PDB file of N, CA and C in Angstrom:
ATOM      1  N   MET A   1     -35.824 -13.164  -6.685  1.00  0.00           N
ATOM      2  CA  MET A   1     -36.240 -13.403  -5.131  1.00  0.00           C
ATOM      3  C   MET A   1     -34.854 -12.953  -4.330  1.00  0.00           C
ATOM      4  N   GLU A   2     -34.902 -11.722  -3.950  1.00  0.00           N
ATOM      5  CA  GLU A   2     -33.827 -11.372  -3.175  1.00  0.00           C
ATOM      6  C   GLU A   2     -34.015 -11.334  -1.679  1.00  0.00           C
ATOM      7  N   LYS A   3     -33.140 -11.798  -1.007  1.00  0.00           N
ATOM      8  CA  LYS A   3     -33.390 -11.893   0.529  1.00  0.00           C
ATOM      9  C   LYS A   3     -33.526 -10.277   1.153  1.00  0.00           C
ATOM     10  N   LYS A   4     -34.301 -10.105   2.128  1.00  0.00           N
ATOM     11  CA  LYS A   4     -34.582  -8.875   2.821  1.00  0.00           C
ATOM     12  C   LYS A   4     -33.143  -8.240   3.042  1.00  0.00           C
ATOM     13  N   TYR A   5     -32.356  -9.008   3.628  1.00  0.00           N
ATOM     14  CA  TYR A   5     -30.928  -8.241   4.137  1.00  0.00           C
ATOM     15  C   TYR A   5     -29.987  -9.550   3.835  1.00  0.00           C
ATOM     16  N   SER A   6     -29.034  -8.964   3.032  1.00  0.00           N
ATOM     17  CA  SER A   6     -28.103  -9.855   2.471  1.00  0.00           C
ATOM     18  C   SER A   6     -27.074  -9.899   3.781  1.00  0.00           C
ATOM     19  N   ILE A   7     -26.074 -10.998   3.735  1.00  0.00           N
ATOM     20  CA  ILE A   7     -25.138 -11.131   4.830  1.00  0.00           C
ATOM     21  C   ILE A   7     -24.360  -9.736   4.779  1.00  0.00           C
ATOM     22  N   LEU A   8     -23.884  -9.171   3.613  1.00  0.00           N
ATOM     23  CA  LEU A   8     -23.020  -7.848   3.510  1.00  0.00           C
ATOM     24  C   LEU A   8     -23.907  -6.779   4.343  1.00  0.00           C
ATOM     25  N   ASP A   9     -25.101  -6.604   4.080  1.00  0.00           N
ATOM     26  CA  ASP A   9     -25.788  -5.695   4.759  1.00  0.00           C
ATOM     27  C   ASP A   9     -26.058  -5.944   6.413  1.00  0.00           C
ATOM     28  N   LYS A  10     -25.973  -7.100   6.626  1.00  0.00           N
ATOM     29  CA  LYS A  10     -26.074  -7.294   8.168  1.00  0.00           C
ATOM     30  C   LYS A  10     -24.863  -7.107   8.789  1.00  0.00           C
ATOM     31  N   LEU A  11     -23.683  -7.403   8.157  1.00  0.00           N
ATOM     32  CA  LEU A  11     -22.222  -7.119   8.730  1.00  0.00           C
ATOM     33  C   LEU A  11     -22.041  -5.721   8.697  1.00  0.00           C
ATOM     34  N   VAL A  12     -22.427  -4.739   7.717  1.00  0.00           N
ATOM     35  CA  VAL A  12     -22.258  -3.176   7.662  1.00  0.00           C
ATOM     36  C   VAL A  12     -23.230  -2.812   8.980  1.00  0.00           C
ATOM     37  N   ALA A  13     -24.233  -3.280   9.075  1.00  0.00           N
ATOM     38  CA  ALA A  13     -25.231  -2.775  10.048  1.00  0.00           C
ATOM     39  C   ALA A  13     -24.700  -3.058  11.510  1.00  0.00           C
ATOM     40  N   SER A  14     -23.676  -4.127  11.610  1.00  0.00           N
ATOM     41  CA  SER A  14     -23.491  -4.494  12.979  1.00  0.00           C
ATOM     42  C   SER A  14     -22.419  -3.428  13.681  1.00  0.00           C
ATOM     43  N   PHE A  15     -21.883  -2.482  12.774  1.00  0.00           N
ATOM     44  CA  PHE A  15     -20.951  -1.427  13.168  1.00  0.00           C
ATOM     45  C   PHE A  15     -22.065  -0.149  14.022  1.00  0.00           C
ATOM     46  N   ASP A  16     -23.071  -0.444  13.645  1.00  0.00           N
ATOM     47  CA  ASP A  16     -24.037   0.844  14.342  1.00  0.00           C
ATOM     48  C   ASP A  16     -25.138   0.149  15.296  1.00  0.00           C
ATOM     49  N   ASN A  17     -25.766   0.701  15.866  1.00  0.00           N
ATOM     50  CA  ASN A  17     -26.852   0.277  16.820  1.00  0.00           C
ATOM     51  C   ASN A  17     -28.041  -0.289  16.354  1.00  0.00           C
ATOM     52  N   SER A  18     -28.262  -0.705  15.113  1.00  0.00           N
ATOM     53  CA  SER A  18     -29.442  -1.167  14.519  1.00  0.00           C
ATOM     54  C   SER A  18     -29.878  -2.734  14.762  1.00  0.00           C
ATOM     55  N   ALA A  19     -30.977  -3.059  14.720  1.00  0.00           N
ATOM     56  CA  ALA A  19     -31.285  -4.370  15.121  1.00  0.00           C
ATOM     57  C   ALA A  19     -31.069  -5.347  13.948  1.00  0.00           C
ATOM     58  N   ILE A  20     -30.739  -4.716  13.054  1.00  0.00           N
ATOM     59  CA  ILE A  20     -30.420  -5.536  11.538  1.00  0.00           C
ATOM     60  C   ILE A  20     -29.246  -6.264  11.705  1.00  0.00           C
ATOM     61  N   GLY A  21     -28.023  -5.672  12.343  1.00  0.00           N
ATOM     62  CA  GLY A  21     -26.770  -6.394  12.425  1.00  0.00           C
ATOM     63  C   GLY A  21     -26.658  -7.386  13.298  1.00  0.00           C
ATOM     64  N   PHE A  22     -25.475  -8.160  13.264  1.00  0.00           N
ATOM     65  CA  PHE A  22     -25.133  -9.315  13.800  1.00  0.00           C
ATOM     66  C   PHE A  22     -24.467  -8.693  15.342  1.00  0.00           C
ATOM     67  N   SER A  23     -24.528  -9.717  16.198  1.00  0.00           N
ATOM     68  CA  SER A  23     -24.141  -9.483  17.534  1.00  0.00           C
ATOM     69  C   SER A  23     -22.813  -9.152  17.723  1.00  0.00           C
ATOM     70  N   ALA A  24     -22.310  -8.309  18.450  1.00  0.00           N
ATOM     71  CA  ALA A  24     -20.779  -7.925  18.627  1.00  0.00           C
ATOM     72  C   ALA A  24     -20.021  -9.118  19.370  1.00  0.00           C
ATOM     73  N   ARG A  25     -20.868  -9.827  20.172  1.00  0.00           N
ATOM     74  CA  ARG A  25     -20.043 -10.927  20.871  1.00  0.00           C
ATOM     75  C   ARG A  25     -19.750 -12.138  19.851  1.00  0.00           C
ATOM     76  N   LYS A  26     -20.700 -12.321  18.997  1.00  0.00           N
ATOM     77  CA  LYS A  26     -20.756 -13.350  17.832  1.00  0.00           C
ATOM     78  C   LYS A  26     -19.528 -13.088  16.792  1.00  0.00           C
ATOM     79  N   LEU A  27     -19.532 -11.718  16.440  1.00  0.00           N
ATOM     80  CA  LEU A  27     -18.725 -11.089  15.523  1.00  0.00           C
ATOM     81  C   LEU A  27     -17.244 -11.308  16.256  1.00  0.00           C
ATOM     82  N   SER A  28     -17.009 -10.932  17.520  1.00  0.00           N
ATOM     83  CA  SER A  28     -15.843 -11.128  18.106  1.00  0.00           C
ATOM     84  C   SER A  28     -15.057 -12.605  18.092  1.00  0.00           C
ATOM     85  N   ALA A  29     -16.111 -13.331  18.635  1.00  0.00           N
ATOM     86  CA  ALA A  29     -15.751 -14.847  18.766  1.00  0.00           C
ATOM     87  C   ALA A  29     -15.495 -15.280  17.167  1.00  0.00           C
ATOM     88  N   PHE A  30     -16.155 -15.063  16.350  1.00  0.00           N
ATOM     89  CA  PHE A  30     -15.915 -15.455  14.987  1.00  0.00           C
ATOM     90  C   PHE A  30     -14.455 -14.916  14.425  1.00  0.00           C
ATOM     91  N   ILE A  31     -14.418 -13.716  14.501  1.00  0.00           N
ATOM     92  CA  ILE A  31     -13.075 -13.156  14.177  1.00  0.00           C
ATOM     93  C   ILE A  31     -12.008 -13.715  14.779  1.00  0.00           C
ATOM     94  N   SER A  32     -11.960 -14.024  16.144  1.00  0.00           N
ATOM     95  CA  SER A  32     -10.871 -14.625  16.943  1.00  0.00           C
ATOM     96  C   SER A  32     -10.524 -15.879  16.675  1.00  0.00           C
ATOM     97  N   VAL A  33     -11.657 -16.848  16.509  1.00  0.00           N
ATOM     98  CA  VAL A  33     -11.500 -18.125  15.915  1.00  0.00           C
ATOM     99  C   VAL A  33     -10.868 -18.194  14.489  1.00  0.00           C
ATOM    100  N   THR A  34     -11.425 -17.395  13.868  1.00  0.00           N
ATOM    101  CA  THR A  34     -10.578 -17.234  12.423  1.00  0.00           C
ATOM    102  C   THR A  34      -9.217 -17.077  12.219  1.00  0.00           C
ATOM    103  N   VAL A  35      -9.083 -15.922  13.053  1.00  0.00           N
ATOM    104  CA  VAL A  35      -7.465 -15.435  13.280  1.00  0.00           C
ATOM    105  C   VAL A  35      -6.678 -16.424  14.034  1.00  0.00           C
ATOM    106  N   ALA A  36      -7.358 -17.265  14.708  1.00  0.00           N
ATOM    107  CA  ALA A  36      -6.535 -18.441  15.669  1.00  0.00           C
ATOM    108  C   ALA A  36      -6.311 -19.441  14.566  1.00  0.00           C
ATOM    109  N   ILE A  37      -7.251 -19.723  13.910  1.00  0.00           N
ATOM    110  CA  ILE A  37      -6.826 -20.941  12.822  1.00  0.00           C
ATOM    111  C   ILE A  37      -5.815 -20.505  11.896  1.00  0.00           C
ATOM    112  N   VAL A  38      -5.870 -19.305  11.345  1.00  0.00           N
ATOM    113  CA  VAL A  38      -4.838 -19.034  10.435  1.00  0.00           C
ATOM    114  C   VAL A  38      -3.422 -19.004  11.247  1.00  0.00           C
ATOM    115  N   ALA A  39      -3.412 -18.094  12.079  1.00  0.00           N
ATOM    116  CA  ALA A  39      -2.235 -17.771  12.868  1.00  0.00           C
ATOM    117  C   ALA A  39      -1.473 -19.174  13.563  1.00  0.00           C
ATOM    118  N   THR A  40      -2.358 -19.842  13.963  1.00  0.00           N
ATOM    119  CA  THR A  40      -1.930 -21.210  14.597  1.00  0.00           C
ATOM    120  C   THR A  40      -1.331 -21.997  13.630  1.00  0.00           C
ATOM    121  N   PHE A  41      -1.905 -22.358  12.530  1.00  0.00           N
ATOM    122  CA  PHE A  41      -1.453 -23.193  11.633  1.00  0.00           C
ATOM    123  C   PHE A  41      -0.157 -22.608  10.613  1.00  0.00           C
ATOM    124  N   VAL A  42      -0.149 -21.267  10.708  1.00  0.00           N
ATOM    125  CA  VAL A  42       0.773 -20.811   9.956  1.00  0.00           C
ATOM    126  C   VAL A  42       2.099 -20.611  10.743  1.00  0.00           C
ATOM    127  N   TYR A  43       1.956 -19.902  12.033  1.00  0.00           N
ATOM    128  CA  TYR A  43       3.338 -19.588  12.633  1.00  0.00           C
ATOM    129  C   TYR A  43       3.581 -20.463  13.979  1.00  0.00           C
ATOM    130  N   VAL A  44       2.583 -21.230  14.187  1.00  0.00           N
ATOM    131  CA  VAL A  44       3.012 -21.969  15.488  1.00  0.00           C
ATOM    132  C   VAL A  44       3.649 -23.641  15.185  1.00  0.00           C
ATOM    133  N   ASP A  45       4.590 -23.893  15.822  1.00  0.00           N
ATOM    134  CA  ASP A  45       5.129 -25.240  15.542  1.00  0.00           C
ATOM    135  C   ASP A  45       4.377 -26.312  16.515  1.00  0.00           C
ATOM    136  N   GLU A  46       4.855 -27.640  15.995  1.00  0.00           N
ATOM    137  CA  GLU A  46       4.032 -28.608  16.476  1.00  0.00           C
ATOM    138  C   GLU A  46       4.068 -28.827  18.010  1.00  0.00           C
ATOM    139  N   LYS A  47       5.074 -28.320  18.639  1.00  0.00           N
ATOM    140  CA  LYS A  47       5.266 -28.543  20.269  1.00  0.00           C
ATOM    141  C   LYS A  47       4.345 -27.850  21.058  1.00  0.00           C
ATOM    142  N   VAL A  48       3.823 -26.784  20.635  1.00  0.00           N
ATOM    143  CA  VAL A  48       3.060 -26.030  21.350  1.00  0.00           C
ATOM    144  C   VAL A  48       1.511 -25.516  20.716  1.00  0.00           C
ATOM    145  N   ILE A  49       1.222 -26.279  19.640  1.00  0.00           N
ATOM    146  CA  ILE A  49      -0.181 -26.147  18.924  1.00  0.00           C
ATOM    147  C   ILE A  49      -1.162 -26.356  19.903  1.00  0.00           C
ATOM    148  N   THR A  50      -1.390 -27.296  20.768  1.00  0.00           N
ATOM    149  CA  THR A  50      -2.369 -27.536  21.546  1.00  0.00           C
ATOM    150  C   THR A  50      -2.553 -26.459  22.544  1.00  0.00           C
ATOM    151  N   ASN A  51      -1.422 -25.900  23.241  1.00  0.00           N
ATOM    152  CA  ASN A  51      -1.514 -24.864  24.123  1.00  0.00           C
ATOM    153  C   ASN A  51      -2.003 -23.480  23.469  1.00  0.00           C
ATOM    154  N   THR A  52      -1.592 -23.433  22.128  1.00  0.00           N
ATOM    155  CA  THR A  52      -1.984 -22.366  21.663  1.00  0.00           C
ATOM    156  C   THR A  52      -3.568 -22.358  21.077  1.00  0.00           C
ATOM    157  N   LEU A  53      -3.840 -23.411  20.632  1.00  0.00           N
ATOM    158  CA  LEU A  53      -5.431 -23.497  20.336  1.00  0.00           C
ATOM    159  C   LEU A  53      -6.339 -23.275  21.556  1.00  0.00           C
ATOM    160  N   ILE A  54      -5.868 -23.709  22.679  1.00  0.00           N
ATOM    161  CA  ILE A  54      -6.622 -23.590  23.966  1.00  0.00           C
ATOM    162  C   ILE A  54      -6.670 -22.240  24.212  1.00  0.00           C
ATOM    163  N   ILE A  55      -5.591 -21.185  24.210  1.00  0.00           N
ATOM    164  CA  ILE A  55      -5.633 -19.938  24.388  1.00  0.00           C
ATOM    165  C   ILE A  55      -6.694 -19.297  23.589  1.00  0.00           C
ATOM    166  N   TRP A  56      -6.691 -19.483  22.396  1.00  0.00           N
ATOM    167  CA  TRP A  56      -7.253 -18.985  21.440  1.00  0.00           C
ATOM    168  C   TRP A  56      -8.930 -19.313  21.441  1.00  0.00           C
ATOM    169  N   LEU A  57      -9.150 -20.513  21.908  1.00  0.00           N
ATOM    170  CA  LEU A  57     -10.448 -20.940  22.023  1.00  0.00           C
ATOM    171  C   LEU A  57     -10.953 -20.227  23.361  1.00  0.00           C
ATOM    172  N   THR A  58     -10.239 -20.358  24.433  1.00  0.00           N
ATOM    173  CA  THR A  58     -10.703 -19.352  25.680  1.00  0.00           C
ATOM    174  C   THR A  58     -11.027 -18.167  25.437  1.00  0.00           C
ATOM    175  N   PHE A  59     -10.212 -17.447  24.457  1.00  0.00           N
ATOM    176  CA  PHE A  59     -10.657 -16.147  24.052  1.00  0.00           C
ATOM    177  C   PHE A  59     -11.869 -15.890  23.339  1.00  0.00           C
ATOM    178  N   ALA A  60     -12.107 -16.880  22.601  1.00  0.00           N
ATOM    179  CA  ALA A  60     -13.401 -16.961  21.989  1.00  0.00           C
ATOM    180  C   ALA A  60     -14.737 -17.223  22.804  1.00  0.00           C
ATOM    181  N   LEU A  61     -14.364 -17.979  23.794  1.00  0.00           N
ATOM    182  CA  LEU A  61     -15.340 -18.417  24.783  1.00  0.00           C
ATOM    183  C   LEU A  61     -15.753 -17.091  25.722  1.00  0.00           C
ATOM    184  N   LEU A  62     -14.566 -16.329  26.037  1.00  0.00           N
ATOM    185  CA  LEU A  62     -14.667 -15.029  26.714  1.00  0.00           C
ATOM    186  C   LEU A  62     -15.491 -14.134  25.878  1.00  0.00           C
ATOM    187  N   CYS A  63     -15.324 -14.025  24.782  1.00  0.00           N
ATOM    188  CA  CYS A  63     -16.073 -13.079  23.813  1.00  0.00           C
ATOM    189  C   CYS A  63     -17.427 -13.392  23.765  1.00  0.00           C
ATOM    190  N   LEU A  64     -17.852 -14.736  23.819  1.00  0.00           N
ATOM    191  CA  LEU A  64     -19.078 -14.962  23.757  1.00  0.00           C
ATOM    192  C   LEU A  64     -19.786 -14.710  25.031  1.00  0.00           C
ATOM    193  N   GLY A  65     -18.912 -14.599  26.077  1.00  0.00           N
ATOM    194  CA  GLY A  65     -19.543 -14.514  27.479  1.00  0.00           C
ATOM    195  C   GLY A  65     -20.071 -16.014  27.959  1.00  0.00           C
ATOM    196  N   ILE A  66     -19.745 -17.106  27.360  1.00  0.00           N
ATOM    197  CA  ILE A  66     -19.873 -18.315  27.875  1.00  0.00           C
ATOM    198  C   ILE A  66     -18.962 -18.608  29.245  1.00  0.00           C
ATOM    199  N   ILE A  67     -17.852 -18.117  29.327  1.00  0.00           N
ATOM    200  CA  ILE A  67     -17.177 -18.038  30.487  1.00  0.00           C
ATOM    201  C   ILE A  67     -16.797 -16.556  30.888  1.00  0.00           C
ATOM    202  N   THR A  68     -16.266 -16.366  31.918  1.00  0.00           N
ATOM    203  CA  THR A  68     -16.021 -15.215  32.765  1.00  0.00           C
ATOM    204  C   THR A  68     -14.361 -15.195  32.803  1.00  0.00           C
ATOM    205  N   ALA A  69     -13.694 -13.900  32.878  1.00  0.00           N
ATOM    206  CA  ALA A  69     -12.353 -13.850  33.216  1.00  0.00           C
ATOM    207  C   ALA A  69     -11.935 -14.428  34.778  1.00  0.00           C
ATOM    208  N   GLU A  70     -13.279 -14.262  35.493  1.00  0.00           N
ATOM    209  CA  GLU A  70     -12.994 -14.798  36.988  1.00  0.00           C
ATOM    210  C   GLU A  70     -13.009 -16.324  36.841  1.00  0.00           C
ATOM    211  N   GLN A  71     -13.702 -16.972  35.867  1.00  0.00           N
ATOM    212  CA  GLN A  71     -13.543 -18.632  36.095  1.00  0.00           C
ATOM    213  C   GLN A  71     -12.287 -18.922  35.429  1.00  0.00           C
ATOM    214  N   VAL A  72     -11.882 -18.272  34.419  1.00  0.00           N
ATOM    215  CA  VAL A  72     -10.407 -18.488  33.821  1.00  0.00           C
ATOM    216  C   VAL A  72      -9.262 -18.484  34.989  1.00  0.00           C
ATOM    217  N   LEU A  73      -9.289 -17.345  35.542  1.00  0.00           N
ATOM    218  CA  LEU A  73      -8.396 -17.166  36.697  1.00  0.00           C
ATOM    219  C   LEU A  73      -8.425 -18.158  37.757  1.00  0.00           C
ATOM    220  N   ARG A  74      -9.676 -18.475  38.156  1.00  0.00           N
ATOM    221  CA  ARG A  74      -9.985 -19.285  39.153  1.00  0.00           C
ATOM    222  C   ARG A  74      -9.339 -20.826  38.587  1.00  0.00           C
ATOM    223  N   TYR A  75      -9.702 -21.226  37.544  1.00  0.00           N
ATOM    224  CA  TYR A  75      -9.143 -22.504  36.970  1.00  0.00           C
ATOM    225  C   TYR A  75      -7.594 -22.657  37.100  1.00  0.00           C
ATOM    226  N   PHE A  76      -6.860 -21.433  36.633  1.00  0.00           N
ATOM    227  CA  PHE A  76      -5.584 -21.278  36.679  1.00  0.00           C
ATOM    228  C   PHE A  76      -4.870 -21.417  38.025  1.00  0.00           C
ATOM    229  N   LYS A  77      -5.588 -20.713  39.030  1.00  0.00           N
ATOM    230  CA  LYS A  77      -5.095 -20.751  40.537  1.00  0.00           C
ATOM    231  C   LYS A  77      -5.421 -22.129  40.968  1.00  0.00           C
ATOM    232  N   ASP A  78      -6.401 -22.754  40.746  1.00  0.00           N
ATOM    233  CA  ASP A  78      -6.546 -24.020  41.224  1.00  0.00           C
ATOM    234  C   ASP A  78      -5.909 -25.105  40.591  1.00  0.00           C
ATOM    235  N   SER A  79      -5.363 -25.072  39.311  1.00  0.00           N
ATOM    236  CA  SER A  79      -4.332 -25.840  38.920  1.00  0.00           C
ATOM    237  C   SER A  79      -3.064 -25.757  39.319  1.00  0.00           C
ATOM    238  N   ASN A  80      -2.607 -24.590  39.719  1.00  0.00           N
ATOM    239  CA  ASN A  80      -1.424 -24.349  40.279  1.00  0.00           C
ATOM    240  C   ASN A  80      -1.511 -24.920  41.863  1.00  0.00           C
ATOM    241  N   ASP A  81      -2.555 -24.734  42.565  1.00  0.00           N
ATOM    242  CA  ASP A  81      -2.693 -25.184  43.817  1.00  0.00           C
ATOM    243  C   ASP A  81      -2.507 -26.792  43.950  1.00  0.00           C
ATOM    244  N   SER A  82      -2.934 -27.548  42.864  1.00  0.00           N
ATOM    245  CA  SER A  82      -3.148 -28.959  42.899  1.00  0.00           C
ATOM    246  C   SER A  82      -1.745 -29.576  42.547  1.00  0.00           C
ATOM    247  N   LYS A  83      -0.758 -28.804  42.448  1.00  0.00           N
ATOM    248  CA  LYS A  83       0.432 -29.601  42.017  1.00  0.00           C
ATOM    249  C   LYS A  83       1.201 -30.332  43.185  1.00  0.00           C
ATOM    250  N   ASP A  84       0.576 -30.087  44.294  1.00  0.00           N
ATOM    251  CA  ASP A  84       1.267 -30.402  45.578  1.00  0.00           C
ATOM    252  C   ASP A  84       0.642 -32.008  45.349  1.00  0.00           C
ATOM    253  N   THR A  85       1.390 -33.059  45.229  1.00  0.00           N
ATOM    254  CA  THR A  85       1.253 -34.279  45.124  1.00  0.00           C
ATOM    255  C   THR A  85       0.912 -35.147  46.396  1.00  0.00           C
ATOM    256  N   SER A  86       1.500 -34.601  47.464  1.00  0.00           N
ATOM    257  CA  SER A  86       1.164 -35.433  48.791  1.00  0.00           C
ATOM    258  C   SER A  86      -0.062 -35.547  49.297  1.00  0.00           C
ATOM    259  N   THR A  87      -0.644 -36.562  49.867  1.00  0.00           N
ATOM    260  CA  THR A  87      -1.783 -36.790  50.406  1.00  0.00           C
ATOM    261  C   THR A  87      -1.807 -35.982  51.774  1.00  0.00           C
ATOM    262  N   PRO A  88      -2.900 -35.535  52.335  1.00  0.00           N
ATOM    263  CA  PRO A  88      -3.299 -34.899  53.510  1.00  0.00           C
ATOM    264  C   PRO A  88      -2.575 -35.869  54.728  1.00  0.00           C
ATOM    265  N   SER A  89      -2.578 -37.248  54.916  1.00  0.00           N
ATOM    266  CA  SER A  89      -2.287 -38.153  55.502  1.00  0.00           C
ATOM    267  C   SER A  89      -0.781 -38.179  55.897  1.00  0.00           C
ATOM    268  N   GLU A  90      -0.152 -37.828  54.736  1.00  0.00           N
ATOM    269  CA  GLU A  90       1.366 -37.997  54.503  1.00  0.00           C
ATOM    270  C   GLU A  90       1.894 -36.454  55.331  1.00  0.00           C
ATOM    271  N   ASN A  91       1.034 -35.658  55.290  1.00  0.00           N
ATOM    272  CA  ASN A  91       1.624 -34.411  55.878  1.00  0.00           C
ATOM    273  C   ASN A  91       1.424 -34.296  57.668  1.00  0.00           C
ATOM    274  N   GLN A  92       0.417 -35.237  58.133  1.00  0.00           N
ATOM    275  CA  GLN A  92       0.205 -35.101  59.578  1.00  0.00           C
ATOM    276  C   GLN A  92       1.017 -36.177  60.136  1.00  0.00           C
ATOM    277  N   PRO A  93       1.268 -35.863  61.394  1.00  0.00           N
ATOM    278  CA  PRO A  93       1.926 -37.073  62.265  1.00  0.00           C
ATOM    279  C   PRO A  93       0.885 -38.107  62.736  1.00  0.00           C
ATOM    280  N   ASP A  94       1.655 -39.529  62.694  1.00  0.00           N
ATOM    281  CA  ASP A  94       0.848 -40.571  62.931  1.00  0.00           C
ATOM    282  C   ASP A  94       0.025 -40.563  64.402  1.00  0.00           C
ATOM    283  N   PRO A  95      -1.210 -40.522  64.718  1.00  0.00           N
ATOM    284  CA  PRO A  95      -1.603 -40.375  65.866  1.00  0.00           C
ATOM    285  C   PRO A  95      -1.530 -41.474  66.867  1.00  0.00           C
ATOM    286  N   LYS A  96      -1.067 -42.502  66.465  1.00  0.00           N
ATOM    287  CA  LYS A  96      -0.696 -43.679  67.360  1.00  0.00           C
ATOM    288  C   LYS A  96       0.717 -43.585  68.159  1.00  0.00           C
ATOM    289  N   ILE A  97       1.529 -42.614  67.810  1.00  0.00           N
ATOM    290  CA  ILE A  97       2.514 -42.523  68.480  1.00  0.00           C
ATOM    291  C   ILE A  97       2.454 -41.554  69.769  1.00  0.00           C
TER     292      ILE A  97
END
């Protein structure tokens, strides 16, 4: 009982335009997550491991098309703008004066 297409046949077929192969987005995400796991746990120290994993997983989400580069840039822009801790009422003069 041999399967019609083995995993290796599908992997090889992914490099051409046949319908048998895996999706390029899925392969990119799988490879990036695999490399991220190995590189993070081998080369990254404990102080920045969380940030490193977030970066790698964001790359995987970009490869899958779940998020877009515009959404990532908007997130970082909004997080930089929200560092102002003062409330709007503190910035405006008191209207009673």
